[in-house]
Amino acid sequence: MKRTMYLATLALLVGSVNREARAGLITSPNDITQAPLVLDFSPFASIPPANQISPGTNLMSIGNGVSLGDGVTLTTDDPNVVVGKDFLALGSNGQRTPTGSPFASLNDLSGNLIFSFSMPVSQVGAFLNYAPGFGPDTMIAALSSSGSVLESFDLNTLAPIMTPLDSNGSPLDNFVAFRGIVRPTADIAAFEVSNSSITVTGLVIGTPEPASLTLLSFGLVGLLGYARRRK
């Protein structure tokens, strides 16, 4: 009976590892298999369009950033970033207006938005859109704690986004699509999106569930005990 229990535990642990041991580009929030932490820009909904972010502003100066809560900070290397509500033209992908959801936008053809985490994660993605055919290709990247690129993906080539010209609204409507990155280990210290006037309306981060971690620890202890008795 005990041997059966340990074998079942081993199968559960292996299955859990297999679920987490995949890596690469994801295109649906359902690909976040850990408990999702969802962050949006609703705290910035009342910011007037005139508050465009630039070096020296009290909202975000380059290198400092603005907190989204839950240990997530947004920074940029470009002065032409907007957080809040504003008009935003994305070429053939339509435009946003102040009646839609608040967003963070590069508002430029090149540059980046970097979402840094207080603790590294293994799964992250964003609801986003961009202006196709303008500037360098649209990229998303997972960055290490040192700032080096762990993985990067060209959305124009691998997962292009095409939305109706007249769309506008929340992260769940047709105006945005989900794109993200998963890794086999929690080594993503930051998630970067860049180029083509890229705009983000929401962020989804995978967080390990405490119950799963507890099960994993008990399972490992049980397997070690069983191995010692067998030896």
C-alpha atoms as a PDB file:
ATOM      1  CA  MET A   1       0.000   0.000   0.000  1.00  0.00           C
ATOM      2  CA  LYS A   2       2.793   2.401   0.976  1.00  0.00           C
ATOM      3  CA  ARG A   3       4.748   1.558  -2.141  1.00  0.00           C
ATOM      4  CA  THR A   4       1.657   2.331  -4.230  1.00  0.00           C
ATOM      5  CA  MET A   5       1.227   5.653  -2.429  1.00  0.00           C
ATOM      6  CA  TYR A   6       4.838   6.658  -3.056  1.00  0.00           C
ATOM      7  CA  LEU A   7       4.613   5.669  -6.722  1.00  0.00           C
ATOM      8  CA  ALA A   8       1.463   7.752  -7.050  1.00  0.00           C
ATOM      9  CA  THR A   9       3.233  10.665  -5.386  1.00  0.00           C
ATOM     10  CA  LEU A  10       6.163  10.266  -7.759  1.00  0.00           C
ATOM     11  CA  ALA A  11       3.817  10.300 -10.748  1.00  0.00           C
ATOM     12  CA  LEU A  12       2.166  13.464  -9.413  1.00  0.00           C
ATOM     13  CA  LEU A  13       5.518  15.171  -8.915  1.00  0.00           C
ATOM     14  CA  VAL A  14       6.759  14.178 -12.356  1.00  0.00           C
ATOM     15  CA  GLY A  15       3.527  15.441 -13.883  1.00  0.00           C
ATOM     16  CA  SER A  16       3.917  18.741 -12.047  1.00  0.00           C
ATOM     17  CA  VAL A  17       7.502  19.093 -13.246  1.00  0.00           C
ATOM     18  CA  ASN A  18       6.470  18.326 -16.819  1.00  0.00           C
ATOM     19  CA  ARG A  19       3.786  21.010 -16.700  1.00  0.00           C
ATOM     20  CA  GLU A  20       6.319  23.571 -15.531  1.00  0.00           C
ATOM     21  CA  ALA A  21       9.262  22.379 -17.636  1.00  0.00           C
ATOM     22  CA  ARG A  22       7.996  23.875 -20.864  1.00  0.00           C
ATOM     23  CA  ALA A  23       9.356  27.134 -22.189  1.00  0.00           C
ATOM     24  CA  GLY A  24       8.670  29.582 -24.925  1.00  0.00           C
ATOM     25  CA  LEU A  25       6.127  31.970 -26.370  1.00  0.00           C
ATOM     26  CA  ILE A  26       2.517  31.773 -25.154  1.00  0.00           C
ATOM     27  CA  THR A  27      -0.532  33.355 -26.767  1.00  0.00           C
ATOM     28  CA  SER A  28      -3.338  32.809 -24.241  1.00  0.00           C
ATOM     29  CA  PRO A  29      -3.776  33.709 -20.560  1.00  0.00           C
ATOM     30  CA  ASN A  30      -4.832  30.067 -20.127  1.00  0.00           C
ATOM     31  CA  ASP A  31      -1.181  29.178 -20.768  1.00  0.00           C
ATOM     32  CA  ILE A  32      -0.406  30.665 -17.345  1.00  0.00           C
ATOM     33  CA  THR A  33      -0.739  27.416 -15.372  1.00  0.00           C
ATOM     34  CA  GLN A  34       0.157  28.865 -11.980  1.00  0.00           C
ATOM     35  CA  ALA A  35      -2.247  30.997  -9.927  1.00  0.00           C
ATOM     36  CA  PRO A  36      -2.556  34.187 -12.018  1.00  0.00           C
ATOM     37  CA  LEU A  37      -1.879  37.619 -10.581  1.00  0.00           C
ATOM     38  CA  VAL A  38      -3.624  40.155 -12.848  1.00  0.00           C
ATOM     39  CA  LEU A  39      -2.554  43.802 -12.835  1.00  0.00           C
ATOM     40  CA  ASP A  40      -3.973  46.634 -14.914  1.00  0.00           C
ATOM     41  CA  PHE A  41      -3.611  50.408 -15.114  1.00  0.00           C
ATOM     42  CA  SER A  42      -6.907  51.330 -13.451  1.00  0.00           C
ATOM     43  CA  PRO A  43      -5.119  53.367 -10.714  1.00  0.00           C
ATOM     44  CA  PHE A  44      -3.991  55.715 -13.507  1.00  0.00           C
ATOM     45  CA  ALA A  45      -7.384  56.108 -15.192  1.00  0.00           C
ATOM     46  CA  SER A  46      -7.829  59.702 -13.988  1.00  0.00           C
ATOM     47  CA  ILE A  47      -4.476  60.940 -15.261  1.00  0.00           C
ATOM     48  CA  PRO A  48      -5.117  63.602 -17.940  1.00  0.00           C
ATOM     49  CA  PRO A  49      -3.559  63.034 -21.365  1.00  0.00           C
ATOM     50  CA  ALA A  50      -1.290  66.027 -20.818  1.00  0.00           C
ATOM     51  CA  ASN A  51       0.655  64.014 -18.221  1.00  0.00           C
ATOM     52  CA  GLN A  52       2.879  62.366 -20.776  1.00  0.00           C
ATOM     53  CA  ILE A  53       5.781  60.718 -19.017  1.00  0.00           C
ATOM     54  CA  SER A  54       9.173  62.238 -19.632  1.00  0.00           C
ATOM     55  CA  PRO A  55      12.431  62.610 -17.700  1.00  0.00           C
ATOM     56  CA  GLY A  56      11.892  64.837 -14.694  1.00  0.00           C
ATOM     57  CA  THR A  57       8.166  64.251 -14.223  1.00  0.00           C
ATOM     58  CA  ASN A  58       6.950  63.093 -10.806  1.00  0.00           C
ATOM     59  CA  LEU A  59       5.086  60.152 -12.349  1.00  0.00           C
ATOM     60  CA  MET A  60       8.007  58.324 -13.880  1.00  0.00           C
ATOM     61  CA  SER A  61      11.464  59.580 -14.653  1.00  0.00           C
ATOM     62  CA  ILE A  62      13.787  57.281 -16.535  1.00  0.00           C
ATOM     63  CA  GLY A  63      15.424  54.781 -14.176  1.00  0.00           C
ATOM     64  CA  ASN A  64      12.931  55.231 -11.335  1.00  0.00           C
ATOM     65  CA  GLY A  65       9.643  53.833 -12.562  1.00  0.00           C
ATOM     66  CA  VAL A  66       6.067  53.657 -11.368  1.00  0.00           C
ATOM     67  CA  SER A  67       4.685  50.944  -9.088  1.00  0.00           C
ATOM     68  CA  LEU A  68       1.797  48.794 -10.316  1.00  0.00           C
ATOM     69  CA  GLY A  69       1.502  47.096  -6.917  1.00  0.00           C
ATOM     70  CA  ASP A  70       2.362  43.551  -5.824  1.00  0.00           C
ATOM     71  CA  GLY A  71       6.074  44.173  -6.306  1.00  0.00           C
ATOM     72  CA  VAL A  72       5.813  45.101 -10.010  1.00  0.00           C
ATOM     73  CA  THR A  73       7.506  48.272 -11.289  1.00  0.00           C
ATOM     74  CA  LEU A  74       7.300  49.779 -14.775  1.00  0.00           C
ATOM     75  CA  THR A  75      10.330  51.559 -16.215  1.00  0.00           C
ATOM     76  CA  THR A  76      11.332  52.712 -19.693  1.00  0.00           C
ATOM     77  CA  ASP A  77      14.309  53.893 -21.714  1.00  0.00           C
ATOM     78  CA  ASP A  78      12.144  56.257 -23.771  1.00  0.00           C
ATOM     79  CA  PRO A  79      10.708  59.665 -22.789  1.00  0.00           C
ATOM     80  CA  ASN A  80       7.599  59.322 -24.975  1.00  0.00           C
ATOM     81  CA  VAL A  81       5.642  57.004 -22.695  1.00  0.00           C
ATOM     82  CA  VAL A  82       2.025  57.544 -21.658  1.00  0.00           C
ATOM     83  CA  VAL A  83       0.326  55.920 -18.669  1.00  0.00           C
ATOM     84  CA  GLY A  84      -3.387  56.505 -18.196  1.00  0.00           C
ATOM     85  CA  LYS A  85      -5.938  57.377 -20.896  1.00  0.00           C
ATOM     86  CA  ASP A  86      -5.283  59.182 -24.140  1.00  0.00           C
ATOM     87  CA  PHE A  87      -5.752  58.989 -27.898  1.00  0.00           C
ATOM     88  CA  LEU A  88      -3.437  56.377 -29.349  1.00  0.00           C
ATOM     89  CA  ALA A  89      -3.116  55.552 -33.060  1.00  0.00           C
ATOM     90  CA  LEU A  90      -1.913  52.053 -33.963  1.00  0.00           C
ATOM     91  CA  GLY A  91      -2.100  52.220 -37.749  1.00  0.00           C
ATOM     92  CA  SER A  92      -4.060  49.343 -39.283  1.00  0.00           C
ATOM     93  CA  ASN A  93      -4.754  47.969 -35.789  1.00  0.00           C
ATOM     94  CA  GLY A  94      -7.022  50.898 -34.962  1.00  0.00           C
ATOM     95  CA  GLN A  95      -6.842  53.495 -32.218  1.00  0.00           C
ATOM     96  CA  ARG A  96      -7.540  53.976 -28.557  1.00  0.00           C
ATOM     97  CA  THR A  97      -9.468  56.923 -27.185  1.00  0.00           C
ATOM     98  CA  PRO A  98      -9.862  58.280 -23.626  1.00  0.00           C
ATOM     99  CA  THR A  99     -13.149  56.355 -23.400  1.00  0.00           C
ATOM    100  CA  GLY A 100     -11.309  53.032 -23.352  1.00  0.00           C
ATOM    101  CA  SER A 101      -9.303  51.307 -20.636  1.00  0.00           C
ATOM    102  CA  PRO A 102      -6.190  52.963 -19.176  1.00  0.00           C
ATOM    103  CA  PHE A 103      -2.926  51.705 -20.616  1.00  0.00           C
ATOM    104  CA  ALA A 104       0.828  52.133 -20.736  1.00  0.00           C
ATOM    105  CA  SER A 105       2.064  53.006 -24.206  1.00  0.00           C
ATOM    106  CA  LEU A 106       5.472  53.572 -25.700  1.00  0.00           C
ATOM    107  CA  ASN A 107       3.895  56.172 -27.975  1.00  0.00           C
ATOM    108  CA  ASP A 108       7.015  55.958 -30.144  1.00  0.00           C
ATOM    109  CA  LEU A 109       8.297  53.689 -32.915  1.00  0.00           C
ATOM    110  CA  SER A 110      11.231  52.360 -30.887  1.00  0.00           C
ATOM    111  CA  GLY A 111      12.051  51.958 -27.217  1.00  0.00           C
ATOM    112  CA  ASN A 112      10.736  49.741 -24.446  1.00  0.00           C
ATOM    113  CA  LEU A 113       8.499  49.210 -21.447  1.00  0.00           C
ATOM    114  CA  ILE A 114      10.046  47.017 -18.743  1.00  0.00           C
ATOM    115  CA  PHE A 115       7.988  45.373 -15.996  1.00  0.00           C
ATOM    116  CA  SER A 116      10.322  44.349 -13.162  1.00  0.00           C
ATOM    117  CA  PHE A 117       9.369  41.918 -10.377  1.00  0.00           C
ATOM    118  CA  SER A 118      10.452  41.964  -6.731  1.00  0.00           C
ATOM    119  CA  MET A 119      10.774  38.168  -6.947  1.00  0.00           C
ATOM    120  CA  PRO A 120      11.659  36.292 -10.173  1.00  0.00           C
ATOM    121  CA  VAL A 121       8.816  34.417 -11.882  1.00  0.00           C
ATOM    122  CA  SER A 122       8.554  31.664 -14.486  1.00  0.00           C
ATOM    123  CA  GLN A 123       5.344  32.737 -16.254  1.00  0.00           C
ATOM    124  CA  VAL A 124       4.308  36.194 -17.422  1.00  0.00           C
ATOM    125  CA  GLY A 125       2.361  37.791 -20.239  1.00  0.00           C
ATOM    126  CA  ALA A 126       0.449  40.918 -21.205  1.00  0.00           C
ATOM    127  CA  PHE A 127      -2.644  42.072 -23.054  1.00  0.00           C
ATOM    128  CA  LEU A 128      -1.130  44.302 -25.720  1.00  0.00           C
ATOM    129  CA  ASN A 129      -1.278  45.764 -29.187  1.00  0.00           C
ATOM    130  CA  TYR A 130       1.032  47.695 -31.521  1.00  0.00           C
ATOM    131  CA  ALA A 131       1.236  49.553 -34.815  1.00  0.00           C
ATOM    132  CA  PRO A 132       2.114  46.989 -37.525  1.00  0.00           C
ATOM    133  CA  GLY A 133       4.689  48.008 -40.092  1.00  0.00           C
ATOM    134  CA  PHE A 134       6.011  51.025 -38.196  1.00  0.00           C
ATOM    135  CA  GLY A 135       9.535  51.052 -36.806  1.00  0.00           C
ATOM    136  CA  PRO A 136      11.558  48.010 -35.712  1.00  0.00           C
ATOM    137  CA  ASP A 137       9.761  44.704 -35.198  1.00  0.00           C
ATOM    138  CA  THR A 138       7.671  44.367 -32.054  1.00  0.00           C
ATOM    139  CA  MET A 139       9.474  42.277 -29.434  1.00  0.00           C
ATOM    140  CA  ILE A 140       8.784  40.694 -26.064  1.00  0.00           C
ATOM    141  CA  ALA A 141      11.620  39.414 -23.879  1.00  0.00           C
ATOM    142  CA  ALA A 142      12.297  37.748 -20.543  1.00  0.00           C
ATOM    143  CA  LEU A 143      15.179  39.401 -18.681  1.00  0.00           C
ATOM    144  CA  SER A 144      17.399  37.995 -15.936  1.00  0.00           C
ATOM    145  CA  SER A 145      18.221  39.788 -12.684  1.00  0.00           C
ATOM    146  CA  SER A 146      21.352  41.150 -14.389  1.00  0.00           C
ATOM    147  CA  GLY A 147      19.315  42.535 -17.288  1.00  0.00           C
ATOM    148  CA  SER A 148      20.474  39.988 -19.835  1.00  0.00           C
ATOM    149  CA  VAL A 149      17.975  38.510 -22.296  1.00  0.00           C
ATOM    150  CA  LEU A 150      16.885  34.981 -21.370  1.00  0.00           C
ATOM    151  CA  GLU A 151      14.465  34.642 -24.278  1.00  0.00           C
ATOM    152  CA  SER A 152      13.012  37.024 -26.841  1.00  0.00           C
ATOM    153  CA  PHE A 153      10.347  36.700 -29.518  1.00  0.00           C
ATOM    154  CA  ASP A 154       9.525  38.754 -32.595  1.00  0.00           C
ATOM    155  CA  LEU A 155       5.744  39.160 -32.530  1.00  0.00           C
ATOM    156  CA  ASN A 156       5.556  40.431 -36.115  1.00  0.00           C
ATOM    157  CA  THR A 157       6.942  37.098 -37.302  1.00  0.00           C
ATOM    158  CA  LEU A 158       5.882  34.531 -34.699  1.00  0.00           C
ATOM    159  CA  ALA A 159       2.557  35.785 -33.345  1.00  0.00           C
ATOM    160  CA  PRO A 160       1.269  38.878 -35.162  1.00  0.00           C
ATOM    161  CA  ILE A 161      -1.687  40.813 -33.777  1.00  0.00           C
ATOM    162  CA  MET A 162      -4.419  42.074 -36.090  1.00  0.00           C
ATOM    163  CA  THR A 163      -7.414  43.940 -34.654  1.00  0.00           C
ATOM    164  CA  PRO A 164     -10.408  45.776 -36.156  1.00  0.00           C
ATOM    165  CA  LEU A 165      -9.922  49.422 -37.045  1.00  0.00           C
ATOM    166  CA  ASP A 166     -12.764  50.636 -34.835  1.00  0.00           C
ATOM    167  CA  SER A 167     -12.065  48.604 -31.656  1.00  0.00           C
ATOM    168  CA  ASN A 168     -11.516  50.193 -28.272  1.00  0.00           C
ATOM    169  CA  GLY A 169     -12.049  48.949 -24.751  1.00  0.00           C
ATOM    170  CA  SER A 170     -10.928  46.669 -21.962  1.00  0.00           C
ATOM    171  CA  PRO A 171      -8.178  44.001 -21.908  1.00  0.00           C
ATOM    172  CA  LEU A 172     -10.849  41.393 -22.694  1.00  0.00           C
ATOM    173  CA  ASP A 173     -12.106  42.900 -25.957  1.00  0.00           C
ATOM    174  CA  ASN A 174     -10.916  42.483 -29.534  1.00  0.00           C
ATOM    175  CA  PHE A 175      -8.530  45.418 -29.426  1.00  0.00           C
ATOM    176  CA  VAL A 176      -5.727  43.550 -27.660  1.00  0.00           C
ATOM    177  CA  ALA A 177      -4.221  40.078 -27.679  1.00  0.00           C
ATOM    178  CA  PHE A 178      -2.293  38.118 -25.088  1.00  0.00           C
ATOM    179  CA  ARG A 179       1.395  37.405 -25.575  1.00  0.00           C
ATOM    180  CA  GLY A 180       3.845  36.127 -22.977  1.00  0.00           C
ATOM    181  CA  ILE A 181       6.725  33.877 -22.018  1.00  0.00           C
ATOM    182  CA  VAL A 182       7.041  30.811 -19.796  1.00  0.00           C
ATOM    183  CA  ARG A 183      10.272  29.343 -18.473  1.00  0.00           C
ATOM    184  CA  PRO A 184      11.069  26.006 -16.766  1.00  0.00           C
ATOM    185  CA  THR A 185      12.439  27.849 -13.715  1.00  0.00           C
ATOM    186  CA  ALA A 186      11.595  31.092 -11.944  1.00  0.00           C
ATOM    187  CA  ASP A 187      14.397  33.217 -13.390  1.00  0.00           C
ATOM    188  CA  ILE A 188      12.399  36.000 -15.105  1.00  0.00           C
ATOM    189  CA  ALA A 189      13.263  39.170 -13.210  1.00  0.00           C
ATOM    190  CA  ALA A 190      11.619  41.456 -15.779  1.00  0.00           C
ATOM    191  CA  PHE A 191       9.325  41.312 -18.801  1.00  0.00           C
ATOM    192  CA  GLU A 192      10.133  43.701 -21.655  1.00  0.00           C
ATOM    193  CA  VAL A 193       7.928  44.811 -24.557  1.00  0.00           C
ATOM    194  CA  SER A 194       9.355  47.076 -27.226  1.00  0.00           C
ATOM    195  CA  ASN A 195       8.903  49.029 -30.479  1.00  0.00           C
ATOM    196  CA  SER A 196       6.003  49.869 -32.816  1.00  0.00           C
ATOM    197  CA  SER A 197       4.138  52.140 -30.353  1.00  0.00           C
ATOM    198  CA  ILE A 198       3.423  49.078 -28.238  1.00  0.00           C
ATOM    199  CA  THR A 199       0.626  49.480 -25.694  1.00  0.00           C
ATOM    200  CA  VAL A 200      -0.184  47.317 -22.673  1.00  0.00           C
ATOM    201  CA  THR A 201      -3.563  47.241 -20.925  1.00  0.00           C
ATOM    202  CA  GLY A 202      -2.952  44.430 -18.443  1.00  0.00           C
ATOM    203  CA  LEU A 203      -0.296  42.107 -17.073  1.00  0.00           C
ATOM    204  CA  VAL A 204      -0.735  38.473 -15.967  1.00  0.00           C
ATOM    205  CA  ILE A 205       1.901  36.852 -13.752  1.00  0.00           C
ATOM    206  CA  GLY A 206       1.979  33.207 -12.687  1.00  0.00           C
ATOM    207  CA  THR A 207       2.483  32.694  -8.949  1.00  0.00           C
ATOM    208  CA  PRO A 208       3.115  29.243  -7.440  1.00  0.00           C
ATOM    209  CA  GLU A 209       0.174  27.999  -5.384  1.00  0.00           C
ATOM    210  CA  PRO A 210       1.054  27.344  -1.710  1.00  0.00           C
ATOM    211  CA  ALA A 211      -0.851  24.060  -1.753  1.00  0.00           C
ATOM    212  CA  SER A 212       1.249  22.801  -4.663  1.00  0.00           C
ATOM    213  CA  LEU A 213       4.466  23.776  -2.898  1.00  0.00           C
ATOM    214  CA  THR A 214       3.363  21.992   0.277  1.00  0.00           C
ATOM    215  CA  LEU A 215       2.446  18.871  -1.691  1.00  0.00           C
ATOM    216  CA  LEU A 216       5.791  18.981  -3.447  1.00  0.00           C
ATOM    217  CA  SER A 217       7.740  19.194  -0.172  1.00  0.00           C
ATOM    218  CA  PHE A 218       5.767  16.368   1.474  1.00  0.00           C
ATOM    219  CA  GLY A 219       6.106  14.240  -1.630  1.00  0.00           C
ATOM    220  CA  LEU A 220       9.870  14.679  -1.765  1.00  0.00           C
ATOM    221  CA  VAL A 221      10.225  13.822   1.927  1.00  0.00           C
ATOM    222  CA  GLY A 222       8.132  10.692   1.421  1.00  0.00           C
ATOM    223  CA  LEU A 223      10.129   9.595  -1.607  1.00  0.00           C
ATOM    224  CA  LEU A 224      13.427  10.070   0.239  1.00  0.00           C
ATOM    225  CA  GLY A 225      12.152   8.001   3.165  1.00  0.00           C
ATOM    226  CA  TYR A 226      10.996   5.246   0.846  1.00  0.00           C
ATOM    227  CA  ALA A 227      14.358   5.234  -0.945  1.00  0.00           C
ATOM    228  CA  ARG A 228      16.239   4.905   2.355  1.00  0.00           C
ATOM    229  CA  ARG A 229      14.102   1.947   3.455  1.00  0.00           C
ATOM    230  CA  ARG A 230      14.608   0.258   0.091  1.00  0.00           C
ATOM    231  CA  LYS A 231      18.372   0.757   0.395  1.00  0.00           C
END
